[in-house]
């Protein structure tokens, strides 16, 4: 697939600098940037999901301990 990307002057200079310093084609750098962006988004989503799971586990544990404490109160 071919894609056209419009860059402002700053991004164009940055891309040109990267091509020289990394000895890569512009298209390779753009592909690498998209992969890195996608991985960053994916890792952020995974982290948020793991934090939500941890939060749920803690809330469940707290509720369990509260209910467990009522079993021996003679009611």
PDB file of N, CA and C in Angstrom:
ATOM      1  N   UNK A   1       0.839  -1.177   0.000  1.00  0.00           N
ATOM      2  CA  UNK A   1       0.000   0.000   0.000  1.00  0.00           C
ATOM      3  C   UNK A   1       0.885   1.241   0.000  1.00  0.00           C
ATOM      4  N   UNK A   2       0.456   2.207  -0.700  1.00  0.00           N
ATOM      5  CA  UNK A   2       1.148   3.484  -0.737  1.00  0.00           C
ATOM      6  C   UNK A   2       0.299   4.503   0.001  1.00  0.00           C
ATOM      7  N   UNK A   3       0.961   5.317   0.827  1.00  0.00           N
ATOM      8  CA  UNK A   3       0.262   6.363   1.568  1.00  0.00           C
ATOM      9  C   UNK A   3       1.021   7.673   1.380  1.00  0.00           C
ATOM     10  N   UNK A   4       0.273   8.735   1.324  1.00  0.00           N
ATOM     11  CA  UNK A   4       0.873  10.061   1.243  1.00  0.00           C
ATOM     12  C   UNK A   4       0.746  10.727   2.602  1.00  0.00           C
ATOM     13  N   UNK A   5       1.840  11.284   3.063  1.00  0.00           N
ATOM     14  CA  UNK A   5       1.849  11.938   4.373  1.00  0.00           C
ATOM     15  C   UNK A   5       2.297  13.379   4.182  1.00  0.00           C
ATOM     16  N   UNK A   6       1.516  14.291   4.707  1.00  0.00           N
ATOM     17  CA  UNK A   6       1.897  15.706   4.651  1.00  0.00           C
ATOM     18  C   UNK A   6       2.568  16.061   5.978  1.00  0.00           C
ATOM     19  N   UNK A   7       3.735  16.673   5.882  1.00  0.00           N
ATOM     20  CA  UNK A   7       4.495  17.045   7.066  1.00  0.00           C
ATOM     21  C   UNK A   7       4.715  18.551   7.091  1.00  0.00           C
ATOM     22  N   UNK A   8       4.681  19.111   8.302  1.00  0.00           N
ATOM     23  CA  UNK A   8       5.069  20.512   8.402  1.00  0.00           C
ATOM     24  C   UNK A   8       6.598  20.582   8.281  1.00  0.00           C
ATOM     25  N   UNK A   9       7.128  21.769   8.189  1.00  0.00           N
ATOM     26  CA  UNK A   9       8.569  21.946   7.965  1.00  0.00           C
ATOM     27  C   UNK A   9       9.403  21.305   9.082  1.00  0.00           C
ATOM     28  N   UNK A  10       8.945  21.434  10.307  1.00  0.00           N
ATOM     29  CA  UNK A  10       9.695  20.878  11.439  1.00  0.00           C
ATOM     30  C   UNK A  10       9.778  19.360  11.344  1.00  0.00           C
ATOM     31  N   UNK A  11       8.659  18.705  11.077  1.00  0.00           N
ATOM     32  CA  UNK A  11       8.674  17.241  10.953  1.00  0.00           C
ATOM     33  C   UNK A  11       9.484  16.791   9.738  1.00  0.00           C
ATOM     34  N   UNK A  12       9.420  17.561   8.688  1.00  0.00           N
ATOM     35  CA  UNK A  12      10.205  17.230   7.493  1.00  0.00           C
ATOM     36  C   UNK A  12      11.697  17.279   7.799  1.00  0.00           C
ATOM     37  N   UNK A  13      12.127  18.324   8.510  1.00  0.00           N
ATOM     38  CA  UNK A  13      13.545  18.424   8.896  1.00  0.00           C
ATOM     39  C   UNK A  13      13.929  17.280   9.822  1.00  0.00           C
ATOM     40  N   UNK A  14      13.025  16.950  10.760  1.00  0.00           N
ATOM     41  CA  UNK A  14      13.290  15.848  11.683  1.00  0.00           C
ATOM     42  C   UNK A  14      13.441  14.536  10.927  1.00  0.00           C
ATOM     43  N   UNK A  15      12.542  14.280   9.991  1.00  0.00           N
ATOM     44  CA  UNK A  15      12.606  13.060   9.191  1.00  0.00           C
ATOM     45  C   UNK A  15      13.894  13.020   8.368  1.00  0.00           C
ATOM     46  N   UNK A  16      14.249  14.131   7.768  1.00  0.00           N
ATOM     47  CA  UNK A  16      15.489  14.185   6.979  1.00  0.00           C
ATOM     48  C   UNK A  16      16.712  13.936   7.854  1.00  0.00           C
ATOM     49  N   UNK A  17      16.719  14.508   9.045  1.00  0.00           N
ATOM     50  CA  UNK A  17      17.829  14.294   9.976  1.00  0.00           C
ATOM     51  C   UNK A  17      17.934  12.825  10.370  1.00  0.00           C
ATOM     52  N   UNK A  18      16.780  12.203  10.626  1.00  0.00           N
ATOM     53  CA  UNK A  18      16.773  10.785  10.998  1.00  0.00           C
ATOM     54  C   UNK A  18      17.269   9.901   9.859  1.00  0.00           C
ATOM     55  N   UNK A  19      16.904  10.228   8.626  1.00  0.00           N
ATOM     56  CA  UNK A  19      17.353   9.404   7.500  1.00  0.00           C
ATOM     57  C   UNK A  19      18.876   9.415   7.391  1.00  0.00           C
ATOM     58  N   UNK A  20      19.455  10.561   7.640  1.00  0.00           N
ATOM     59  CA  UNK A  20      20.920  10.672   7.555  1.00  0.00           C
ATOM     60  C   UNK A  20      21.577   9.971   8.737  1.00  0.00           C
ATOM     61  N   UNK A  21      21.096  10.239   9.943  1.00  0.00           N
ATOM     62  CA  UNK A  21      21.762   9.691  11.128  1.00  0.00           C
ATOM     63  C   UNK A  21      21.552   8.188  11.293  1.00  0.00           C
ATOM     64  N   UNK A  22      20.396   7.682  10.842  1.00  0.00           N
ATOM     65  CA  UNK A  22      20.115   6.248  10.993  1.00  0.00           C
ATOM     66  C   UNK A  22      20.426   5.439   9.742  1.00  0.00           C
ATOM     67  N   UNK A  23      20.754   6.137   8.647  1.00  0.00           N
ATOM     68  CA  UNK A  23      21.028   5.477   7.364  1.00  0.00           C
ATOM     69  C   UNK A  23      19.850   4.593   6.950  1.00  0.00           C
ATOM     70  N   UNK A  24      18.660   5.175   7.052  1.00  0.00           N
ATOM     71  CA  UNK A  24      17.435   4.473   6.673  1.00  0.00           C
ATOM     72  C   UNK A  24      16.649   5.315   5.686  1.00  0.00           C
ATOM     73  N   UNK A  25      15.765   4.643   4.960  1.00  0.00           N
ATOM     74  CA  UNK A  25      14.860   5.342   4.053  1.00  0.00           C
ATOM     75  C   UNK A  25      13.757   6.017   4.864  1.00  0.00           C
ATOM     76  N   UNK A  26      13.218   7.074   4.303  1.00  0.00           N
ATOM     77  CA  UNK A  26      12.120   7.785   4.964  1.00  0.00           C
ATOM     78  C   UNK A  26      10.953   6.846   5.244  1.00  0.00           C
ATOM     79  N   UNK A  27      10.618   6.013   4.283  1.00  0.00           N
ATOM     80  CA  UNK A  27       9.490   5.097   4.461  1.00  0.00           C
ATOM     81  C   UNK A  27       9.752   4.103   5.606  1.00  0.00           C
ATOM     82  N   UNK A  28      11.000   3.673   5.775  1.00  0.00           N
ATOM     83  CA  UNK A  28      11.331   2.761   6.877  1.00  0.00           C
ATOM     84  C   UNK A  28      11.156   3.450   8.228  1.00  0.00           C
ATOM     85  N   UNK A  29      11.575   4.691   8.309  1.00  0.00           N
ATOM     86  CA  UNK A  29      11.437   5.449   9.553  1.00  0.00           C
ATOM     87  C   UNK A  29       9.961   5.668   9.882  1.00  0.00           C
ATOM     88  N   UNK A  30       9.172   5.994   8.885  1.00  0.00           N
ATOM     89  CA  UNK A  30       7.735   6.195   9.111  1.00  0.00           C
ATOM     90  C   UNK A  30       7.071   4.903   9.558  1.00  0.00           C
ATOM     91  N   UNK A  31       7.424   3.776   8.922  1.00  0.00           N
ATOM     92  CA  UNK A  31       6.870   2.476   9.348  1.00  0.00           C
ATOM     93  C   UNK A  31       7.262   2.161  10.791  1.00  0.00           C
ATOM     94  N   UNK A  32       8.539   2.404  11.128  1.00  0.00           N
ATOM     95  CA  UNK A  32       9.000   2.165  12.504  1.00  0.00           C
ATOM     96  C   UNK A  32       8.237   3.038  13.495  1.00  0.00           C
ATOM     97  N   UNK A  33       7.983   4.278  13.108  1.00  0.00           N
ATOM     98  CA  UNK A  33       7.258   5.196  13.985  1.00  0.00           C
ATOM     99  C   UNK A  33       5.831   4.719  14.224  1.00  0.00           C
ATOM    100  N   UNK A  34       5.184   4.219  13.179  1.00  0.00           N
ATOM    101  CA  UNK A  34       3.810   3.712  13.326  1.00  0.00           C
ATOM    102  C   UNK A  34       3.801   2.482  14.230  1.00  0.00           C
ATOM    103  N   UNK A  35       4.770   1.579  14.026  1.00  0.00           N
ATOM    104  CA  UNK A  35       4.850   0.385  14.890  1.00  0.00           C
ATOM    105  C   UNK A  35       5.059   0.777  16.358  1.00  0.00           C
ATOM    106  N   UNK A  36       5.967   1.716  16.588  1.00  0.00           N
ATOM    107  CA  UNK A  36       6.239   2.169  17.956  1.00  0.00           C
ATOM    108  C   UNK A  36       4.997   2.797  18.576  1.00  0.00           C
ATOM    109  N   UNK A  37       4.298   3.600  17.816  1.00  0.00           N
ATOM    110  CA  UNK A  37       3.072   4.240  18.303  1.00  0.00           C
ATOM    111  C   UNK A  37       2.026   3.192  18.662  1.00  0.00           C
ATOM    112  N   UNK A  38       1.835   2.217  17.778  1.00  0.00           N
ATOM    113  CA  UNK A  38       0.846   1.156  18.027  1.00  0.00           C
ATOM    114  C   UNK A  38       1.214   0.348  19.266  1.00  0.00           C
ATOM    115  N   UNK A  39       2.486   0.034  19.434  1.00  0.00           N
ATOM    116  CA  UNK A  39       2.943  -0.716  20.606  1.00  0.00           C
ATOM    117  C   UNK A  39       2.726   0.094  21.880  1.00  0.00           C
ATOM    118  N   UNK A  40       2.998   1.382  21.816  1.00  0.00           N
ATOM    119  CA  UNK A  40       2.806   2.253  22.979  1.00  0.00           C
ATOM    120  C   UNK A  40       1.338   2.294  23.390  1.00  0.00           C
ATOM    121  N   UNK A  41       0.457   2.411  22.414  1.00  0.00           N
ATOM    122  CA  UNK A  41      -0.985   2.422  22.688  1.00  0.00           C
ATOM    123  C   UNK A  41      -1.404   1.088  23.298  1.00  0.00           C
ATOM    124  N   UNK A  42      -0.943  -0.002  22.710  1.00  0.00           N
ATOM    125  CA  UNK A  42      -1.299  -1.340  23.197  1.00  0.00           C
ATOM    126  C   UNK A  42      -0.808  -1.551  24.627  1.00  0.00           C
ATOM    127  N   UNK A  43       0.426  -1.156  24.898  1.00  0.00           N
ATOM    128  CA  UNK A  43       0.970  -1.321  26.250  1.00  0.00           C
ATOM    129  C   UNK A  43       0.223  -0.469  27.264  1.00  0.00           C
ATOM    130  N   UNK A  44      -0.185   0.721  26.851  1.00  0.00           N
ATOM    131  CA  UNK A  44      -0.967   1.581  27.738  1.00  0.00           C
ATOM    132  C   UNK A  44      -2.308   0.965  28.059  1.00  0.00           C
ATOM    133  N   UNK A  45      -2.946   0.355  27.072  1.00  0.00           N
ATOM    134  CA  UNK A  45      -4.231  -0.311  27.289  1.00  0.00           C
ATOM    135  C   UNK A  45      -4.071  -1.495  28.232  1.00  0.00           C
ATOM    136  N   UNK A  46      -3.022  -2.281  28.026  1.00  0.00           N
ATOM    137  CA  UNK A  46      -2.766  -3.431  28.898  1.00  0.00           C
ATOM    138  C   UNK A  46      -2.538  -2.971  30.336  1.00  0.00           C
ATOM    139  N   UNK A  47      -1.781  -1.898  30.493  1.00  0.00           N
ATOM    140  CA  UNK A  47      -1.485  -1.392  31.834  1.00  0.00           C
ATOM    141  C   UNK A  47      -2.764  -0.935  32.533  1.00  0.00           C
ATOM    142  N   UNK A  48      -3.641  -0.232  31.799  1.00  0.00           N
ATOM    143  CA  UNK A  48      -4.902   0.218  32.389  1.00  0.00           C
ATOM    144  C   UNK A  48      -5.780  -0.968  32.779  1.00  0.00           C
ATOM    145  N   UNK A  49      -5.798  -2.006  31.937  1.00  0.00           N
ATOM    146  CA  UNK A  49      -6.601  -3.192  32.255  1.00  0.00           C
ATOM    147  C   UNK A  49      -6.047  -3.908  33.486  1.00  0.00           C
ATOM    148  N   UNK A  50      -4.731  -4.034  33.576  1.00  0.00           N
ATOM    149  CA  UNK A  50      -4.130  -4.700  34.736  1.00  0.00           C
ATOM    150  C   UNK A  50      -4.375  -3.899  36.013  1.00  0.00           C
ATOM    151  N   UNK A  51      -4.327  -2.579  35.914  1.00  0.00           N
ATOM    152  CA  UNK A  51      -4.630  -1.742  37.082  1.00  0.00           C
ATOM    153  C   UNK A  51      -6.086  -1.914  37.515  1.00  0.00           C
ATOM    154  N   UNK A  52      -6.995  -2.006  36.556  1.00  0.00           N
ATOM    155  CA  UNK A  52      -8.409  -2.205  36.877  1.00  0.00           C
ATOM    156  C   UNK A  52      -8.626  -3.565  37.535  1.00  0.00           C
ATOM    157  N   UNK A  53      -7.941  -4.592  37.044  1.00  0.00           N
ATOM    158  CA  UNK A  53      -8.046  -5.931  37.643  1.00  0.00           C
ATOM    159  C   UNK A  53      -7.524  -5.911  39.068  1.00  0.00           C
ATOM    160  N   UNK A  54      -6.384  -5.260  39.276  1.00  0.00           N
ATOM    161  CA  UNK A  54      -5.806  -5.178  40.618  1.00  0.00           C
ATOM    162  C   UNK A  54      -6.738  -4.448  41.576  1.00  0.00           C
ATOM    163  N   UNK A  55      -7.338  -3.371  41.112  1.00  0.00           N
ATOM    164  CA  UNK A  55      -8.269  -2.592  41.926  1.00  0.00           C
ATOM    165  C   UNK A  55      -9.486  -3.444  42.303  1.00  0.00           C
ATOM    166  N   UNK A  56      -9.985  -4.219  41.344  1.00  0.00           N
ATOM    167  CA  UNK A  56     -11.137  -5.092  41.593  1.00  0.00           C
ATOM    168  C   UNK A  56     -10.787  -6.175  42.600  1.00  0.00           C
ATOM    169  N   UNK A  57      -9.596  -6.758  42.475  1.00  0.00           N
ATOM    170  CA  UNK A  57      -9.155  -7.789  43.416  1.00  0.00           C
ATOM    171  C   UNK A  57      -9.091  -7.227  44.843  1.00  0.00           C
ATOM    172  N   UNK A  58      -8.554  -6.034  44.981  1.00  0.00           N
ATOM    173  CA  UNK A  58      -8.448  -5.419  46.302  1.00  0.00           C
ATOM    174  C   UNK A  58      -9.828  -5.152  46.895  1.00  0.00           C
ATOM    175  N   UNK A  59     -10.754  -4.677  46.073  1.00  0.00           N
ATOM    176  CA  UNK A  59     -12.106  -4.414  46.550  1.00  0.00           C
ATOM    177  C   UNK A  59     -12.793  -5.721  46.947  1.00  0.00           C
ATOM    178  N   UNK A  60     -12.611  -6.768  46.150  1.00  0.00           N
ATOM    179  CA  UNK A  60     -13.197  -8.073  46.474  1.00  0.00           C
ATOM    180  C   UNK A  60     -12.617  -8.628  47.766  1.00  0.00           C
ATOM    181  N   UNK A  61     -11.309  -8.469  47.960  1.00  0.00           N
ATOM    182  CA  UNK A  61     -10.660  -8.959  49.175  1.00  0.00           C
ATOM    183  C   UNK A  61     -11.200  -8.227  50.398  1.00  0.00           C
ATOM    184  N   UNK A  62     -11.363  -6.919  50.267  1.00  0.00           N
ATOM    185  CA  UNK A  62     -11.893  -6.128  51.373  1.00  0.00           C
ATOM    186  C   UNK A  62     -13.309  -6.574  51.729  1.00  0.00           C
ATOM    187  N   UNK A  63     -14.137  -6.787  50.724  1.00  0.00           N
ATOM    188  CA  UNK A  63     -15.505  -7.242  50.953  1.00  0.00           C
ATOM    189  C   UNK A  63     -15.510  -8.631  51.594  1.00  0.00           C
ATOM    190  N   UNK A  64     -14.648  -9.523  51.115  1.00  0.00           N
ATOM    191  CA  UNK A  64     -14.542 -10.872  51.672  1.00  0.00           C
ATOM    192  C   UNK A  64     -14.158 -10.808  53.151  1.00  0.00           C
ATOM    193  N   UNK A  65     -13.169  -9.993  53.466  1.00  0.00           N
ATOM    194  CA  UNK A  65     -12.720  -9.886  54.855  1.00  0.00           C
ATOM    195  C   UNK A  65     -13.821  -9.321  55.747  1.00  0.00           C
ATOM    196  N   UNK A  66     -14.590  -8.372  55.239  1.00  0.00           N
ATOM    197  CA  UNK A  66     -15.704  -7.805  55.991  1.00  0.00           C
ATOM    198  C   UNK A  66     -16.758  -8.874  56.254  1.00  0.00           C
ATOM    199  N   UNK A  67     -17.112  -9.629  55.224  1.00  0.00           N
ATOM    200  CA  UNK A  67     -18.116 -10.685  55.383  1.00  0.00           C
ATOM    201  C   UNK A  67     -17.597 -11.820  56.260  1.00  0.00           C
ATOM    202  N   UNK A  68     -16.346 -12.167  56.122  1.00  0.00           N
ATOM    203  CA  UNK A  68     -15.733 -13.228  56.925  1.00  0.00           C
ATOM    204  C   UNK A  68     -15.789 -12.877  58.409  1.00  0.00           C
ATOM    205  N   UNK A  69     -15.604 -11.609  58.709  1.00  0.00           N
ATOM    206  CA  UNK A  69     -15.633 -11.169  60.102  1.00  0.00           C
ATOM    207  C   UNK A  69     -17.007 -11.291  60.728  1.00  0.00           C
ATOM    208  N   UNK A  70     -18.049 -11.300  59.946  1.00  0.00           N
ATOM    209  CA  UNK A  70     -19.420 -11.395  60.506  1.00  0.00           C
ATOM    210  C   UNK A  70     -19.821 -12.843  60.800  1.00  0.00           C
ATOM    211  N   UNK A  71     -19.059 -13.814  60.317  1.00  0.00           N
ATOM    212  CA  UNK A  71     -19.433 -15.216  60.522  1.00  0.00           C
ATOM    213  C   UNK A  71     -19.300 -15.650  61.971  1.00  0.00           C
ATOM    214  N   UNK A  72     -18.397 -15.057  62.704  1.00  0.00           N
ATOM    215  CA  UNK A  72     -18.145 -15.470  64.075  1.00  0.00           C
ATOM    216  C   UNK A  72     -18.755 -14.530  65.100  1.00  0.00           C
ATOM    217  N   UNK A  73     -19.658 -13.660  64.711  1.00  0.00           N
ATOM    218  CA  UNK A  73     -20.193 -12.681  65.665  1.00  0.00           C
ATOM    219  C   UNK A  73     -21.457 -13.180  66.358  1.00  0.00           C
ATOM    220  N   UNK A  74     -21.854 -14.428  66.079  1.00  0.00           N
ATOM    221  CA  UNK A  74     -22.974 -15.019  66.790  1.00  0.00           C
ATOM    222  C   UNK A  74     -24.348 -14.676  66.248  1.00  0.00           C
ATOM    223  N   UNK A  75     -24.399 -14.036  65.134  1.00  0.00           N
ATOM    224  CA  UNK A  75     -25.706 -13.672  64.556  1.00  0.00           C
ATOM    225  C   UNK A  75     -26.195 -14.786  63.684  1.00  0.00           C
TER     226      UNK A  75
END
